[in-house]
Amino acid sequence: MPENEAEDIPYAERLRQKNIQTRPSGWTSATRDEVAEGPTPEGGRFKATRDTAGHIVTEETTPSGKQRKHVTINLA
């Protein structure tokens, strides 16, 4: 509710002028990376991350402890 009813400034505009920032609600997969994790067939672990442009980065750990990184770039 406005503090002073005589003002013609909407309440939301007054909050913006006071620099009160709120987090936008409703994050979607279009605004953040998609992540998949799990075991590999060889017994290691993987983590695949797809960003909003379609690029895929796969980080892999082998059963012997070596780490690998594979990058797939979307050119379309």
Protein backbone atom coordinates (compact mmCIF):
# COMPACT_ATOMS: atom_id res chain seq x y z
CA MET A 1 0.00 0.00 0.00
CA PRO A 2 1.29 3.48 -0.76
CA GLU A 3 2.43 5.51 2.19
CA ASN A 4 0.91 8.69 0.80
CA GLU A 5 -2.24 8.33 -1.30
CA ALA A 6 -1.73 11.81 -2.84
CA GLU A 7 1.35 10.68 -4.80
CA ASP A 8 0.83 9.54 -8.37
CA ILE A 9 3.81 7.15 -8.32
CA PRO A 10 2.81 3.47 -8.25
CA TYR A 11 4.01 1.44 -5.28
CA ALA A 12 6.23 -0.80 -7.44
CA GLU A 13 7.95 2.23 -8.94
CA ARG A 14 8.61 3.61 -5.45
CA LEU A 15 10.25 0.30 -4.49
CA ARG A 16 12.48 0.49 -7.57
CA GLN A 17 13.50 4.02 -6.62
CA LYS A 18 14.51 2.79 -3.15
CA ASN A 19 16.75 0.16 -4.83
CA ILE A 20 14.90 -2.74 -3.25
CA GLN A 21 15.63 -5.69 -5.49
CA THR A 22 13.72 -8.94 -5.46
CA ARG A 23 14.62 -12.22 -7.09
CA PRO A 24 12.51 -12.97 -10.15
CA SER A 25 10.35 -16.01 -9.73
CA GLY A 26 9.88 -18.86 -12.14
CA TRP A 27 13.34 -19.92 -13.32
CA THR A 28 13.14 -22.15 -16.38
CA SER A 29 15.56 -24.43 -18.16
CA ALA A 30 15.85 -21.73 -20.84
CA THR A 31 17.69 -19.48 -18.39
CA ARG A 32 20.05 -21.95 -16.75
CA ASP A 33 22.25 -24.90 -17.65
CA GLU A 34 20.92 -28.46 -17.71
CA VAL A 35 23.06 -30.95 -15.76
CA ALA A 36 23.07 -34.76 -15.87
CA GLU A 37 25.21 -36.92 -13.57
CA GLY A 38 25.68 -40.64 -13.16
CA PRO A 39 27.88 -43.71 -13.55
CA THR A 40 29.65 -44.67 -16.78
CA PRO A 41 29.47 -48.22 -18.18
CA GLU A 42 33.17 -48.70 -17.23
CA GLY A 43 32.45 -47.94 -13.56
CA GLY A 44 33.48 -44.29 -13.39
CA ARG A 45 31.35 -41.16 -13.00
CA PHE A 46 30.28 -38.44 -15.44
CA LYS A 47 28.72 -34.99 -15.32
CA ALA A 48 27.29 -33.53 -18.53
CA THR A 49 26.31 -29.86 -18.68
CA ARG A 50 24.32 -28.35 -21.56
CA ASP A 51 24.17 -24.55 -21.67
CA THR A 52 21.49 -22.39 -23.24
CA ALA A 53 23.35 -22.26 -26.59
CA GLY A 54 23.39 -26.07 -26.83
CA HIS A 55 27.09 -26.61 -26.04
CA ILE A 56 27.75 -29.78 -24.02
CA VAL A 57 30.65 -30.17 -21.57
CA THR A 58 31.14 -33.69 -20.21
CA GLU A 59 33.48 -34.23 -17.26
CA GLU A 60 34.42 -37.84 -16.68
CA THR A 61 36.28 -39.71 -13.95
CA THR A 62 37.58 -43.16 -14.86
CA PRO A 63 37.65 -46.05 -12.37
CA SER A 64 41.43 -45.54 -12.06
CA GLY A 65 40.90 -41.90 -10.99
CA LYS A 66 41.89 -40.08 -14.18
CA GLN A 67 39.78 -37.09 -15.14
CA ARG A 68 38.71 -36.26 -18.69
CA LYS A 69 36.75 -33.40 -20.20
CA HIS A 70 34.89 -33.59 -23.52
CA VAL A 71 33.40 -30.50 -25.18
CA THR A 72 30.78 -30.57 -27.94
CA ILE A 73 30.17 -27.18 -29.56
CA ASN A 74 26.85 -26.46 -31.25
CA LEU A 75 27.57 -24.66 -34.53
CA ALA A 76 23.93 -24.28 -35.59
